[in-house]
């Protein structure tokens, strides 16, 4: 990784390390060997910004869980929400290759095989956040998209890359809707 990621971004108040998050999401810091193994299993090169973040804190539930959208989704008129960010690993249920990970969501819920599911959402499987490799190929820099099973798997672009997605997460209170 030549570029530095998340400069001028503080993770001191980013993660919600409650019991549920630690039990179901947070993996040990991934080794380079594990990262390569996970990439091989998934069939995609993970973004360097994602790897950099996972080497600091490997998955979990963020405190800021909402990302604004320009078009409505089944979740909201103005945003999508996430529950957690999947870490690099196989041990925790909500890690990339865990029992509730990316391939499970594609196989069991019928999500399009366009990349890697990186975030689950509060809808209990009815929408996810994915790294979308359709434009860049399996080894390029994927966009981040919302895929909405409730709307015939509608794909809504969110961010040009993973780092931009993290920068764009906002507090739920910014979206108080009646």
C-alpha atoms as a PDB file:
ATOM      1  CA  UNK A   1       0.000   0.000   0.000  1.00  0.00           C
ATOM      2  CA  UNK A   2       1.698   3.158  -1.220  1.00  0.00           C
ATOM      3  CA  UNK A   3      -1.035   5.612  -0.265  1.00  0.00           C
ATOM      4  CA  UNK A   4      -1.952   6.464   3.311  1.00  0.00           C
ATOM      5  CA  UNK A   5      -5.635   6.087   4.081  1.00  0.00           C
ATOM      6  CA  UNK A   6      -7.906   7.821   6.567  1.00  0.00           C
ATOM      7  CA  UNK A   7      -5.516  10.725   7.158  1.00  0.00           C
ATOM      8  CA  UNK A   8      -7.165  13.401   9.310  1.00  0.00           C
ATOM      9  CA  UNK A   9      -9.861  10.904  10.331  1.00  0.00           C
ATOM     10  CA  UNK A  10     -10.231   9.875  13.949  1.00  0.00           C
ATOM     11  CA  UNK A  11     -11.355   6.372  14.780  1.00  0.00           C
ATOM     12  CA  UNK A  12     -11.408   7.176  18.524  1.00  0.00           C
ATOM     13  CA  UNK A  13     -15.196   7.538  18.442  1.00  0.00           C
ATOM     14  CA  UNK A  14     -15.955   5.409  15.377  1.00  0.00           C
ATOM     15  CA  UNK A  15     -16.584   1.912  16.759  1.00  0.00           C
ATOM     16  CA  UNK A  16     -19.258   0.684  19.172  1.00  0.00           C
ATOM     17  CA  UNK A  17     -17.362  -2.126  20.877  1.00  0.00           C
ATOM     18  CA  UNK A  18     -20.312  -3.514  22.813  1.00  0.00           C
ATOM     19  CA  UNK A  19     -20.597  -7.210  23.649  1.00  0.00           C
ATOM     20  CA  UNK A  20     -22.662  -8.057  20.541  1.00  0.00           C
ATOM     21  CA  UNK A  21     -20.176  -6.377  18.214  1.00  0.00           C
ATOM     22  CA  UNK A  22     -17.166  -8.055  19.789  1.00  0.00           C
ATOM     23  CA  UNK A  23     -18.909 -11.445  19.786  1.00  0.00           C
ATOM     24  CA  UNK A  24     -20.225 -11.354  16.201  1.00  0.00           C
ATOM     25  CA  UNK A  25     -18.081  -8.971  14.121  1.00  0.00           C
ATOM     26  CA  UNK A  26     -14.637  -8.128  15.477  1.00  0.00           C
ATOM     27  CA  UNK A  27     -11.859 -10.463  14.334  1.00  0.00           C
ATOM     28  CA  UNK A  28      -8.178 -10.457  15.274  1.00  0.00           C
ATOM     29  CA  UNK A  29      -5.913  -8.230  13.169  1.00  0.00           C
ATOM     30  CA  UNK A  30      -5.620  -9.988   9.810  1.00  0.00           C
ATOM     31  CA  UNK A  31      -2.235 -11.260   8.668  1.00  0.00           C
ATOM     32  CA  UNK A  32      -1.126 -10.744   5.074  1.00  0.00           C
ATOM     33  CA  UNK A  33      -1.532 -14.492   4.566  1.00  0.00           C
ATOM     34  CA  UNK A  34      -5.127 -14.426   5.825  1.00  0.00           C
ATOM     35  CA  UNK A  35      -5.940 -11.449   3.585  1.00  0.00           C
ATOM     36  CA  UNK A  36      -4.596 -13.279   0.520  1.00  0.00           C
ATOM     37  CA  UNK A  37      -6.530 -16.406   1.491  1.00  0.00           C
ATOM     38  CA  UNK A  38      -9.791 -14.469   1.917  1.00  0.00           C
ATOM     39  CA  UNK A  39      -9.251 -12.647  -1.394  1.00  0.00           C
ATOM     40  CA  UNK A  40      -8.667 -15.971  -3.141  1.00  0.00           C
ATOM     41  CA  UNK A  41     -11.810 -17.469  -1.581  1.00  0.00           C
ATOM     42  CA  UNK A  42     -13.926 -14.445  -2.532  1.00  0.00           C
ATOM     43  CA  UNK A  43     -12.350 -14.060  -5.988  1.00  0.00           C
ATOM     44  CA  UNK A  44     -11.719 -10.328  -5.536  1.00  0.00           C
ATOM     45  CA  UNK A  45      -8.833  -8.073  -4.470  1.00  0.00           C
ATOM     46  CA  UNK A  46     -10.008  -6.168  -1.405  1.00  0.00           C
ATOM     47  CA  UNK A  47      -9.546  -2.379  -1.548  1.00  0.00           C
ATOM     48  CA  UNK A  48      -6.358  -1.116   0.110  1.00  0.00           C
ATOM     49  CA  UNK A  49      -8.388   1.377   2.180  1.00  0.00           C
ATOM     50  CA  UNK A  50     -10.549  -1.456   3.530  1.00  0.00           C
ATOM     51  CA  UNK A  51      -7.476  -3.535   4.381  1.00  0.00           C
ATOM     52  CA  UNK A  52      -5.861  -0.524   6.096  1.00  0.00           C
ATOM     53  CA  UNK A  53      -8.973   0.021   8.215  1.00  0.00           C
ATOM     54  CA  UNK A  54      -9.271  -3.676   9.104  1.00  0.00           C
ATOM     55  CA  UNK A  55      -5.638  -3.719  10.230  1.00  0.00           C
ATOM     56  CA  UNK A  56      -6.605  -0.990  12.739  1.00  0.00           C
ATOM     57  CA  UNK A  57      -9.893  -2.620  13.857  1.00  0.00           C
ATOM     58  CA  UNK A  58     -11.037  -5.753  12.048  1.00  0.00           C
ATOM     59  CA  UNK A  59     -14.771  -5.324  11.649  1.00  0.00           C
ATOM     60  CA  UNK A  60     -17.458  -4.178  14.003  1.00  0.00           C
ATOM     61  CA  UNK A  61     -20.420  -1.942  14.521  1.00  0.00           C
ATOM     62  CA  UNK A  62     -19.817   1.767  13.917  1.00  0.00           C
ATOM     63  CA  UNK A  63     -21.485   4.528  15.906  1.00  0.00           C
ATOM     64  CA  UNK A  64     -22.355   6.405  12.704  1.00  0.00           C
ATOM     65  CA  UNK A  65     -24.551   4.001  10.779  1.00  0.00           C
ATOM     66  CA  UNK A  66     -26.292   6.029   8.076  1.00  0.00           C
ATOM     67  CA  UNK A  67     -25.244   7.012   4.557  1.00  0.00           C
ATOM     68  CA  UNK A  68     -27.228   9.603   2.565  1.00  0.00           C
ATOM     69  CA  UNK A  69     -28.790   8.643  -0.767  1.00  0.00           C
ATOM     70  CA  UNK A  70     -30.112  10.741  -3.622  1.00  0.00           C
ATOM     71  CA  UNK A  71     -32.941   8.298  -4.285  1.00  0.00           C
ATOM     72  CA  UNK A  72     -35.326   6.519  -1.923  1.00  0.00           C
ATOM     73  CA  UNK A  73     -34.747   2.910  -0.843  1.00  0.00           C
ATOM     74  CA  UNK A  74     -36.964   0.460   1.015  1.00  0.00           C
ATOM     75  CA  UNK A  75     -35.251   1.672   4.202  1.00  0.00           C
ATOM     76  CA  UNK A  76     -35.758   5.416   3.851  1.00  0.00           C
ATOM     77  CA  UNK A  77     -36.421   8.313   1.506  1.00  0.00           C
ATOM     78  CA  UNK A  78     -33.021   9.857   2.217  1.00  0.00           C
ATOM     79  CA  UNK A  79     -30.500   7.292   3.428  1.00  0.00           C
ATOM     80  CA  UNK A  80     -29.465   3.693   4.023  1.00  0.00           C
ATOM     81  CA  UNK A  81     -28.443   2.268   7.374  1.00  0.00           C
ATOM     82  CA  UNK A  82     -25.893  -0.367   8.287  1.00  0.00           C
ATOM     83  CA  UNK A  83     -25.603  -2.603  11.315  1.00  0.00           C
ATOM     84  CA  UNK A  84     -21.946  -3.529  10.996  1.00  0.00           C
ATOM     85  CA  UNK A  85     -18.875  -3.714   8.790  1.00  0.00           C
ATOM     86  CA  UNK A  86     -17.601  -7.222   8.119  1.00  0.00           C
ATOM     87  CA  UNK A  87     -14.015  -7.924   9.097  1.00  0.00           C
ATOM     88  CA  UNK A  88     -11.443  -9.967   7.216  1.00  0.00           C
ATOM     89  CA  UNK A  89     -11.779 -13.496   8.527  1.00  0.00           C
ATOM     90  CA  UNK A  90     -13.812 -16.655   8.893  1.00  0.00           C
ATOM     91  CA  UNK A  91     -14.323 -17.000  12.659  1.00  0.00           C
ATOM     92  CA  UNK A  92     -17.030 -14.442  13.421  1.00  0.00           C
ATOM     93  CA  UNK A  93     -20.530 -14.859  11.976  1.00  0.00           C
ATOM     94  CA  UNK A  94     -20.401 -11.403  10.373  1.00  0.00           C
ATOM     95  CA  UNK A  95     -16.918 -11.553   8.869  1.00  0.00           C
ATOM     96  CA  UNK A  96     -16.348 -11.702   5.108  1.00  0.00           C
ATOM     97  CA  UNK A  97     -16.121 -15.505   5.052  1.00  0.00           C
ATOM     98  CA  UNK A  98     -18.103 -16.158   8.228  1.00  0.00           C
ATOM     99  CA  UNK A  99     -21.376 -18.072   8.423  1.00  0.00           C
ATOM    100  CA  UNK A 100     -23.361 -14.877   7.686  1.00  0.00           C
ATOM    101  CA  UNK A 101     -20.721 -13.349   5.415  1.00  0.00           C
ATOM    102  CA  UNK A 102     -20.558 -12.292   1.793  1.00  0.00           C
ATOM    103  CA  UNK A 103     -21.050 -15.653   0.069  1.00  0.00           C
ATOM    104  CA  UNK A 104     -23.903 -16.568   2.405  1.00  0.00           C
ATOM    105  CA  UNK A 105     -25.733 -13.357   1.465  1.00  0.00           C
ATOM    106  CA  UNK A 106     -25.210 -14.020  -2.254  1.00  0.00           C
ATOM    107  CA  UNK A 107     -26.138 -17.714  -2.091  1.00  0.00           C
ATOM    108  CA  UNK A 108     -28.978 -17.655   0.456  1.00  0.00           C
ATOM    109  CA  UNK A 109     -30.553 -14.265  -0.258  1.00  0.00           C
ATOM    110  CA  UNK A 110     -29.962 -14.141  -4.015  1.00  0.00           C
ATOM    111  CA  UNK A 111     -27.897 -10.966  -4.069  1.00  0.00           C
ATOM    112  CA  UNK A 112     -26.235 -10.310  -7.424  1.00  0.00           C
ATOM    113  CA  UNK A 113     -22.738 -11.688  -7.806  1.00  0.00           C
ATOM    114  CA  UNK A 114     -21.167  -8.276  -8.485  1.00  0.00           C
ATOM    115  CA  UNK A 115     -18.576  -8.299  -5.725  1.00  0.00           C
ATOM    116  CA  UNK A 116     -18.329  -8.559  -1.963  1.00  0.00           C
ATOM    117  CA  UNK A 117     -20.930  -7.882   0.729  1.00  0.00           C
ATOM    118  CA  UNK A 118     -19.143  -5.711   3.308  1.00  0.00           C
ATOM    119  CA  UNK A 119     -21.980  -4.457   5.529  1.00  0.00           C
ATOM    120  CA  UNK A 120     -25.180  -5.928   6.779  1.00  0.00           C
ATOM    121  CA  UNK A 121     -28.185  -3.715   7.411  1.00  0.00           C
ATOM    122  CA  UNK A 122     -30.874  -3.536  10.145  1.00  0.00           C
ATOM    123  CA  UNK A 123     -33.427  -5.089   7.763  1.00  0.00           C
ATOM    124  CA  UNK A 124     -32.248  -8.613   8.687  1.00  0.00           C
ATOM    125  CA  UNK A 125     -31.023  -9.515   5.218  1.00  0.00           C
ATOM    126  CA  UNK A 126     -33.370  -7.491   3.022  1.00  0.00           C
ATOM    127  CA  UNK A 127     -30.631  -5.084   1.966  1.00  0.00           C
ATOM    128  CA  UNK A 128     -26.829  -4.998   2.064  1.00  0.00           C
ATOM    129  CA  UNK A 129     -23.857  -2.800   1.218  1.00  0.00           C
ATOM    130  CA  UNK A 130     -21.484  -4.265  -1.376  1.00  0.00           C
ATOM    131  CA  UNK A 131     -18.181  -3.561  -3.037  1.00  0.00           C
ATOM    132  CA  UNK A 132     -19.210  -3.415  -6.724  1.00  0.00           C
ATOM    133  CA  UNK A 133     -16.510  -4.650  -9.110  1.00  0.00           C
ATOM    134  CA  UNK A 134     -18.532  -4.484 -12.347  1.00  0.00           C
ATOM    135  CA  UNK A 135     -16.705  -1.423 -13.744  1.00  0.00           C
ATOM    136  CA  UNK A 136     -13.198  -2.140 -12.418  1.00  0.00           C
ATOM    137  CA  UNK A 137     -12.851  -5.929 -12.689  1.00  0.00           C
ATOM    138  CA  UNK A 138     -11.979  -8.319  -9.862  1.00  0.00           C
ATOM    139  CA  UNK A 139      -8.679  -6.587  -9.058  1.00  0.00           C
ATOM    140  CA  UNK A 140      -9.616  -2.916  -9.441  1.00  0.00           C
ATOM    141  CA  UNK A 141     -10.958  -0.293  -7.048  1.00  0.00           C
ATOM    142  CA  UNK A 142     -14.657  -1.077  -6.507  1.00  0.00           C
ATOM    143  CA  UNK A 143     -17.456   1.372  -5.905  1.00  0.00           C
ATOM    144  CA  UNK A 144     -19.662   0.974  -2.830  1.00  0.00           C
ATOM    145  CA  UNK A 145     -23.339   0.309  -3.503  1.00  0.00           C
ATOM    146  CA  UNK A 146     -26.548  -0.475  -1.658  1.00  0.00           C
ATOM    147  CA  UNK A 147     -28.438  -3.526  -2.955  1.00  0.00           C
ATOM    148  CA  UNK A 148     -32.117  -3.628  -2.036  1.00  0.00           C
ATOM    149  CA  UNK A 149     -33.703  -7.077  -2.119  1.00  0.00           C
ATOM    150  CA  UNK A 150     -37.106  -5.541  -1.330  1.00  0.00           C
ATOM    151  CA  UNK A 151     -36.944  -3.540  -4.588  1.00  0.00           C
ATOM    152  CA  UNK A 152     -35.980  -6.402  -6.924  1.00  0.00           C
ATOM    153  CA  UNK A 153     -32.292  -6.101  -5.975  1.00  0.00           C
ATOM    154  CA  UNK A 154     -32.114  -2.451  -7.022  1.00  0.00           C
ATOM    155  CA  UNK A 155     -28.507  -1.190  -6.933  1.00  0.00           C
ATOM    156  CA  UNK A 156     -27.995   2.330  -5.601  1.00  0.00           C
ATOM    157  CA  UNK A 157     -24.495   3.826  -5.922  1.00  0.00           C
ATOM    158  CA  UNK A 158     -23.229   5.255  -2.624  1.00  0.00           C
ATOM    159  CA  UNK A 159     -19.517   6.094  -2.859  1.00  0.00           C
ATOM    160  CA  UNK A 160     -16.711   5.997  -5.405  1.00  0.00           C
ATOM    161  CA  UNK A 161     -14.611   3.845  -3.033  1.00  0.00           C
ATOM    162  CA  UNK A 162     -14.548   2.343   0.452  1.00  0.00           C
ATOM    163  CA  UNK A 163     -12.704   5.245   2.089  1.00  0.00           C
ATOM    164  CA  UNK A 164     -15.289   7.718   0.755  1.00  0.00           C
ATOM    165  CA  UNK A 165     -18.038   5.473   2.105  1.00  0.00           C
ATOM    166  CA  UNK A 166     -16.526   5.552   5.604  1.00  0.00           C
ATOM    167  CA  UNK A 167     -16.054   9.346   5.421  1.00  0.00           C
ATOM    168  CA  UNK A 168     -19.725   9.675   4.419  1.00  0.00           C
ATOM    169  CA  UNK A 169     -21.240   7.741   7.318  1.00  0.00           C
ATOM    170  CA  UNK A 170     -23.410   9.961   9.519  1.00  0.00           C
ATOM    171  CA  UNK A 171     -25.273   9.801  12.787  1.00  0.00           C
ATOM    172  CA  UNK A 172     -28.801   8.447  12.678  1.00  0.00           C
ATOM    173  CA  UNK A 173     -29.990  11.676  14.342  1.00  0.00           C
ATOM    174  CA  UNK A 174     -29.177  13.561  11.114  1.00  0.00           C
ATOM    175  CA  UNK A 175     -32.053  11.686   9.454  1.00  0.00           C
ATOM    176  CA  UNK A 176     -34.914  12.057  11.888  1.00  0.00           C
ATOM    177  CA  UNK A 177     -37.942  11.218   9.786  1.00  0.00           C
ATOM    178  CA  UNK A 178     -41.572  11.208  10.835  1.00  0.00           C
END
